[in-house]
N, C-alpha and C. Protein backbone atom coordinates (compact mmCIF):
# COMPACT_ATOMS: atom_id res chain seq x y z
N MET A 1 0.85 -1.17 0.00
CA MET A 1 0.00 0.00 0.00
C MET A 1 0.90 1.24 0.00
N PRO A 2 0.63 2.20 -0.85
CA PRO A 2 1.46 3.41 -0.89
C PRO A 2 1.39 4.17 0.43
N ILE A 3 2.47 4.88 0.74
CA ILE A 3 2.56 5.63 1.99
C ILE A 3 1.46 6.68 2.10
N ILE A 4 1.00 7.19 0.96
CA ILE A 4 -0.06 8.20 0.99
C ILE A 4 -1.35 7.63 1.57
N ALA A 5 -1.50 6.31 1.53
CA ALA A 5 -2.68 5.66 2.11
C ALA A 5 -2.61 5.65 3.63
N LYS A 6 -1.47 5.98 4.17
CA LYS A 6 -1.28 6.00 5.62
C LYS A 6 -0.68 7.35 6.02
N PRO A 7 -1.47 8.43 5.91
CA PRO A 7 -0.91 9.77 6.16
C PRO A 7 -0.34 9.93 7.55
N HIS A 8 -0.85 9.19 8.52
CA HIS A 8 -0.36 9.31 9.89
C HIS A 8 1.07 8.79 10.02
N LEU A 9 1.54 8.00 9.06
CA LEU A 9 2.93 7.55 9.08
C LEU A 9 3.85 8.60 8.48
N THR A 10 3.34 9.39 7.56
CA THR A 10 4.11 10.43 6.90
C THR A 10 4.19 11.70 7.75
N ALA A 11 3.16 12.00 8.51
CA ALA A 11 3.05 13.25 9.26
C ALA A 11 4.24 13.56 10.16
N PRO A 12 4.71 12.62 10.98
CA PRO A 12 5.83 12.96 11.87
C PRO A 12 7.10 13.34 11.11
N SER A 13 7.38 12.66 10.01
CA SER A 13 8.60 12.97 9.27
C SER A 13 8.53 14.34 8.60
N LEU A 14 7.33 14.82 8.32
CA LEU A 14 7.15 16.13 7.69
C LEU A 14 6.75 17.21 8.68
N ASN A 15 6.67 16.86 9.97
CA ASN A 15 6.31 17.82 11.02
C ASN A 15 4.93 18.43 10.78
N ILE A 16 3.97 17.59 10.42
CA ILE A 16 2.61 18.01 10.13
C ILE A 16 1.76 17.92 11.39
N ASP A 17 0.97 18.95 11.66
CA ASP A 17 0.10 18.98 12.84
C ASP A 17 -1.31 18.47 12.56
N VAL A 18 -1.84 18.82 11.38
CA VAL A 18 -3.23 18.49 11.04
C VAL A 18 -3.29 18.00 9.60
N ILE A 19 -4.10 16.96 9.38
CA ILE A 19 -4.33 16.43 8.04
C ILE A 19 -5.84 16.38 7.82
N THR A 20 -6.30 16.77 6.63
CA THR A 20 -7.70 16.55 6.27
C THR A 20 -7.73 15.60 5.09
N VAL A 21 -8.74 14.75 5.08
CA VAL A 21 -8.88 13.75 4.02
C VAL A 21 -10.35 13.71 3.62
N GLN A 22 -10.59 13.57 2.32
CA GLN A 22 -11.95 13.40 1.83
C GLN A 22 -12.02 12.10 1.04
N ASP A 23 -13.15 11.41 1.16
CA ASP A 23 -13.39 10.13 0.50
C ASP A 23 -12.22 9.18 0.73
N PRO A 24 -11.97 8.84 1.99
CA PRO A 24 -10.74 8.12 2.37
C PRO A 24 -10.77 6.61 2.11
N TYR A 25 -11.16 6.23 0.92
CA TYR A 25 -11.21 4.81 0.57
C TYR A 25 -10.12 4.51 -0.44
N MET A 26 -9.01 3.95 0.03
CA MET A 26 -7.91 3.60 -0.86
C MET A 26 -8.21 2.31 -1.61
N ILE A 27 -8.93 1.42 -0.96
CA ILE A 27 -9.39 0.18 -1.56
C ILE A 27 -10.91 0.23 -1.49
N PRO A 28 -11.61 0.01 -2.61
CA PRO A 28 -13.07 0.14 -2.59
C PRO A 28 -13.71 -0.61 -1.43
N GLY A 29 -14.56 0.11 -0.69
CA GLY A 29 -15.28 -0.48 0.42
C GLY A 29 -14.50 -0.58 1.72
N ARG A 30 -13.23 -0.20 1.69
CA ARG A 30 -12.40 -0.29 2.90
C ARG A 30 -11.88 1.10 3.26
N PRO A 31 -12.26 1.62 4.42
CA PRO A 31 -11.81 2.98 4.78
C PRO A 31 -10.32 3.03 5.12
N MET A 32 -9.80 4.25 5.11
CA MET A 32 -8.41 4.48 5.50
C MET A 32 -8.19 3.94 6.91
N GLU A 33 -6.99 3.46 7.17
CA GLU A 33 -6.67 2.94 8.50
C GLU A 33 -6.78 4.04 9.55
N SER A 34 -7.14 3.64 10.75
CA SER A 34 -7.16 4.62 11.83
C SER A 34 -5.74 5.07 12.11
N ALA A 35 -5.62 6.16 12.80
CA ALA A 35 -4.32 6.77 13.03
C ALA A 35 -3.89 6.52 14.47
N PRO A 36 -3.10 5.49 14.74
CA PRO A 36 -2.68 5.22 16.12
C PRO A 36 -1.89 6.40 16.70
N GLY A 37 -2.27 6.81 17.90
CA GLY A 37 -1.58 7.92 18.55
C GLY A 37 -2.02 9.29 18.07
N HIS A 38 -2.94 9.33 17.12
CA HIS A 38 -3.46 10.59 16.61
C HIS A 38 -4.95 10.64 16.91
N LYS A 39 -5.48 11.85 16.96
CA LYS A 39 -6.92 12.02 17.15
C LYS A 39 -7.56 12.12 15.77
N MET A 40 -8.57 11.30 15.53
CA MET A 40 -9.20 11.25 14.21
C MET A 40 -10.70 11.51 14.37
N TYR A 41 -11.21 12.47 13.60
CA TYR A 41 -12.61 12.86 13.65
C TYR A 41 -13.19 12.74 12.25
N SER A 42 -14.44 12.29 12.14
CA SER A 42 -15.02 12.16 10.80
C SER A 42 -16.47 12.64 10.78
N SER A 43 -16.91 12.96 9.56
CA SER A 43 -18.32 13.27 9.35
C SER A 43 -19.12 12.00 9.63
N LYS A 44 -20.42 12.14 9.71
CA LYS A 44 -21.26 10.98 10.03
C LYS A 44 -21.18 9.89 8.96
N ASN A 45 -20.97 10.28 7.69
CA ASN A 45 -20.85 9.27 6.64
C ASN A 45 -19.42 8.75 6.49
N GLY A 46 -18.47 9.30 7.26
CA GLY A 46 -17.09 8.83 7.23
C GLY A 46 -16.28 9.28 6.03
N LYS A 47 -16.83 10.15 5.19
CA LYS A 47 -16.12 10.55 3.97
C LYS A 47 -15.37 11.86 4.09
N ALA A 48 -15.44 12.52 5.23
CA ALA A 48 -14.66 13.72 5.50
C ALA A 48 -13.98 13.49 6.85
N VAL A 49 -12.66 13.66 6.88
CA VAL A 49 -11.88 13.30 8.06
C VAL A 49 -10.91 14.43 8.41
N VAL A 50 -10.73 14.67 9.71
CA VAL A 50 -9.66 15.55 10.22
C VAL A 50 -8.83 14.70 11.17
N ILE A 51 -7.53 14.68 10.94
CA ILE A 51 -6.60 13.94 11.80
C ILE A 51 -5.70 14.96 12.49
N ILE A 52 -5.66 14.92 13.82
CA ILE A 52 -4.78 15.79 14.60
C ILE A 52 -3.55 14.97 14.96
N CYS A 53 -2.41 15.34 14.40
CA CYS A 53 -1.16 14.60 14.60
C CYS A 53 -0.36 15.11 15.79
N ASN A 54 -0.50 16.39 16.09
CA ASN A 54 0.24 17.01 17.18
C ASN A 54 -0.50 16.78 18.49
N GLN A 55 0.09 16.02 19.39
CA GLN A 55 -0.58 15.68 20.65
C GLN A 55 -0.71 16.88 21.59
N ASN A 56 -0.03 17.98 21.30
CA ASN A 56 -0.14 19.18 22.13
C ASN A 56 -1.36 20.02 21.78
N ILE A 57 -1.98 19.73 20.65
CA ILE A 57 -3.18 20.46 20.23
C ILE A 57 -4.39 19.77 20.85
N LYS A 58 -5.24 20.56 21.48
CA LYS A 58 -6.44 20.04 22.14
C LYS A 58 -7.68 20.41 21.31
N PRO A 59 -8.12 19.51 20.45
CA PRO A 59 -9.26 19.81 19.59
C PRO A 59 -10.60 19.45 20.24
N TYR A 60 -11.65 20.03 19.71
CA TYR A 60 -12.99 19.60 20.06
C TYR A 60 -13.89 19.74 18.83
N ILE A 61 -14.89 18.90 18.77
CA ILE A 61 -15.80 18.92 17.61
C ILE A 61 -16.72 20.13 17.72
N LYS A 62 -16.74 20.91 16.65
CA LYS A 62 -17.60 22.09 16.60
C LYS A 62 -18.86 21.79 15.78
N LEU A 63 -18.71 21.00 14.72
CA LEU A 63 -19.83 20.66 13.86
C LEU A 63 -19.57 19.28 13.26
N GLN A 64 -20.56 18.42 13.35
CA GLN A 64 -20.47 17.11 12.70
C GLN A 64 -21.81 16.85 12.04
N SER A 65 -21.78 16.74 10.71
CA SER A 65 -23.00 16.44 9.97
C SER A 65 -22.71 15.25 9.06
N GLU A 66 -23.66 14.92 8.23
CA GLU A 66 -23.48 13.79 7.31
C GLU A 66 -22.26 13.99 6.42
N ASN A 67 -22.02 15.23 5.96
CA ASN A 67 -20.98 15.52 4.98
C ASN A 67 -19.81 16.32 5.51
N ILE A 68 -19.88 16.83 6.73
CA ILE A 68 -18.90 17.80 7.22
C ILE A 68 -18.43 17.44 8.62
N ILE A 69 -17.14 17.63 8.87
CA ILE A 69 -16.61 17.60 10.23
C ILE A 69 -15.82 18.89 10.41
N THR A 70 -16.12 19.62 11.46
CA THR A 70 -15.36 20.82 11.81
C THR A 70 -14.82 20.62 13.22
N VAL A 71 -13.51 20.76 13.32
CA VAL A 71 -12.83 20.62 14.60
C VAL A 71 -12.23 21.97 14.96
N ALA A 72 -12.48 22.43 16.17
CA ALA A 72 -11.92 23.70 16.65
C ALA A 72 -10.64 23.40 17.42
N LEU A 73 -9.62 24.20 17.17
CA LEU A 73 -8.33 24.06 17.83
C LEU A 73 -8.04 25.34 18.61
N ASN A 74 -7.72 25.21 19.87
CA ASN A 74 -7.27 26.36 20.67
C ASN A 74 -5.76 26.40 20.59
N ILE A 75 -5.25 27.41 19.91
CA ILE A 75 -3.80 27.56 19.76
C ILE A 75 -3.45 28.96 20.24
N GLY A 76 -2.75 29.04 21.36
CA GLY A 76 -2.46 30.34 21.96
C GLY A 76 -3.77 30.99 22.35
N ASN A 77 -3.96 32.23 21.91
CA ASN A 77 -5.21 32.93 22.21
C ASN A 77 -6.16 32.93 21.01
N LYS A 78 -5.92 32.06 20.07
CA LYS A 78 -6.73 31.98 18.85
C LYS A 78 -7.51 30.67 18.81
N ILE A 79 -8.66 30.72 18.17
CA ILE A 79 -9.42 29.51 17.86
C ILE A 79 -9.39 29.34 16.35
N ILE A 80 -8.95 28.19 15.91
CA ILE A 80 -8.88 27.88 14.48
C ILE A 80 -9.86 26.74 14.21
N ASN A 81 -10.77 26.96 13.28
CA ASN A 81 -11.71 25.92 12.87
C ASN A 81 -11.19 25.25 11.61
N ILE A 82 -11.02 23.94 11.67
CA ILE A 82 -10.58 23.17 10.51
C ILE A 82 -11.77 22.33 10.06
N SER A 83 -12.22 22.54 8.83
CA SER A 83 -13.35 21.78 8.30
C SER A 83 -12.91 20.89 7.16
N SER A 84 -13.39 19.67 7.18
CA SER A 84 -13.22 18.74 6.07
C SER A 84 -14.61 18.44 5.54
N VAL A 85 -14.79 18.59 4.23
CA VAL A 85 -16.11 18.50 3.61
C VAL A 85 -16.04 17.50 2.46
N TYR A 86 -17.07 16.67 2.35
CA TYR A 86 -17.19 15.79 1.18
C TYR A 86 -18.63 15.81 0.72
N PHE A 87 -18.84 16.23 -0.54
CA PHE A 87 -20.16 16.18 -1.16
C PHE A 87 -20.08 15.25 -2.35
N ALA A 88 -20.96 14.27 -2.41
CA ALA A 88 -21.01 13.37 -3.57
C ALA A 88 -21.55 14.14 -4.77
N SER A 89 -21.24 13.65 -5.96
CA SER A 89 -21.64 14.36 -7.17
C SER A 89 -23.16 14.46 -7.32
N HIS A 90 -23.91 13.58 -6.68
CA HIS A 90 -25.38 13.62 -6.78
C HIS A 90 -26.02 14.47 -5.68
N ASP A 91 -25.23 14.99 -4.74
CA ASP A 91 -25.79 15.82 -3.67
C ASP A 91 -26.26 17.17 -4.20
N HIS A 92 -27.27 17.73 -3.56
CA HIS A 92 -27.74 19.08 -3.88
C HIS A 92 -26.85 20.05 -3.09
N ILE A 93 -25.75 20.41 -3.68
CA ILE A 93 -24.67 21.12 -2.98
C ILE A 93 -25.08 22.52 -2.52
N ASP A 94 -25.95 23.20 -3.26
CA ASP A 94 -26.32 24.58 -2.89
C ASP A 94 -26.92 24.64 -1.49
N ASN A 95 -27.86 23.76 -1.22
CA ASN A 95 -28.50 23.76 0.11
C ASN A 95 -27.51 23.37 1.20
N LEU A 96 -26.65 22.40 0.91
CA LEU A 96 -25.68 21.93 1.91
C LEU A 96 -24.66 23.01 2.24
N ILE A 97 -24.18 23.72 1.22
CA ILE A 97 -23.20 24.79 1.46
C ILE A 97 -23.85 25.94 2.22
N THR A 98 -25.08 26.30 1.86
CA THR A 98 -25.77 27.38 2.57
C THR A 98 -25.93 27.03 4.05
N LYS A 99 -26.33 25.81 4.34
CA LYS A 99 -26.47 25.38 5.73
C LYS A 99 -25.13 25.47 6.46
N PHE A 100 -24.07 25.06 5.80
CA PHE A 100 -22.72 25.11 6.38
C PHE A 100 -22.30 26.55 6.65
N LEU A 101 -22.50 27.43 5.68
CA LEU A 101 -22.08 28.83 5.83
C LEU A 101 -22.90 29.56 6.89
N ASN A 102 -24.11 29.13 7.13
CA ASN A 102 -24.96 29.76 8.14
C ASN A 102 -24.69 29.24 9.55
N TYR A 103 -23.74 28.34 9.68
CA TYR A 103 -23.46 27.75 10.99
C TYR A 103 -22.97 28.80 11.98
N GLY A 104 -22.23 29.79 11.52
CA GLY A 104 -21.81 30.87 12.41
C GLY A 104 -20.41 30.74 12.95
N PHE A 105 -19.45 30.86 12.09
CA PHE A 105 -18.05 30.79 12.48
C PHE A 105 -17.49 32.20 12.68
N ASN A 106 -18.21 33.05 13.35
CA ASN A 106 -17.83 34.46 13.50
C ASN A 106 -16.53 34.64 14.28
N ARG A 107 -15.74 35.57 13.79
CA ARG A 107 -14.50 36.02 14.45
C ARG A 107 -13.53 34.89 14.78
N ARG A 108 -13.42 33.97 13.90
CA ARG A 108 -12.48 32.87 14.06
C ARG A 108 -11.64 32.79 12.80
N ILE A 109 -10.63 31.99 12.88
CA ILE A 109 -9.85 31.65 11.70
C ILE A 109 -10.42 30.34 11.19
N ASP A 110 -10.88 30.31 9.95
CA ASP A 110 -11.53 29.13 9.40
C ASP A 110 -10.76 28.62 8.19
N LEU A 111 -10.48 27.33 8.20
CA LEU A 111 -9.86 26.66 7.06
C LEU A 111 -10.83 25.59 6.60
N VAL A 112 -11.29 25.70 5.36
CA VAL A 112 -12.21 24.72 4.80
C VAL A 112 -11.49 23.97 3.69
N THR A 113 -11.44 22.64 3.84
CA THR A 113 -10.86 21.79 2.80
C THR A 113 -11.94 20.84 2.35
N GLY A 114 -11.90 20.42 1.11
CA GLY A 114 -12.96 19.51 0.72
C GLY A 114 -12.91 19.03 -0.70
N ASP A 115 -13.75 18.05 -0.92
CA ASP A 115 -14.04 17.52 -2.25
C ASP A 115 -15.50 17.85 -2.48
N PHE A 116 -15.74 18.88 -3.29
CA PHE A 116 -17.09 19.38 -3.48
C PHE A 116 -17.78 18.77 -4.70
N ASN A 117 -17.03 18.04 -5.52
CA ASN A 117 -17.60 17.38 -6.71
C ASN A 117 -18.54 18.32 -7.47
N CYS A 118 -18.09 19.56 -7.67
CA CYS A 118 -18.93 20.57 -8.32
C CYS A 118 -19.04 20.31 -9.82
N ARG A 119 -20.17 20.66 -10.32
CA ARG A 119 -20.38 20.60 -11.77
C ARG A 119 -20.67 22.02 -12.26
N SER A 120 -20.21 22.29 -13.46
CA SER A 120 -20.51 23.62 -14.01
C SER A 120 -21.43 23.50 -15.19
C-alpha cells in the first residue's frame, strides 16, 4: 500500500500537525486505516476526516453532519476551525453549502478543505 494511504505515518517525518482527508477509501469499500496515537474525527458518513497529529493540540468537535466535520483548535489565544467536507456528485450542494455557511463561524480563523464534486 502506498505511503499516501497512511498519512499518519508520513506526518511525523514532515512535522505536520493536522491532516484533512476526503473520500478516504484507498481500496473500494475499505476505509483508510485509523491513526494510532493521533486524534481522528469524521463526518457521520465517514467521507470527511480531520486527523490531529500534534498531541499538544487540544481539539474539540464544533460541527459534525453527514458531509462535514469541523474541529476547533485552541492555539495560543486563537481559535482555528478546521473543516473537512465531502459532497457526492449527486448531492444538492447549494442547500448543503448554505447550511454550512450559516453555521456561524464568526470572528475565528476558518480553514475549509474539501471535495465538493462541483459541476458547471
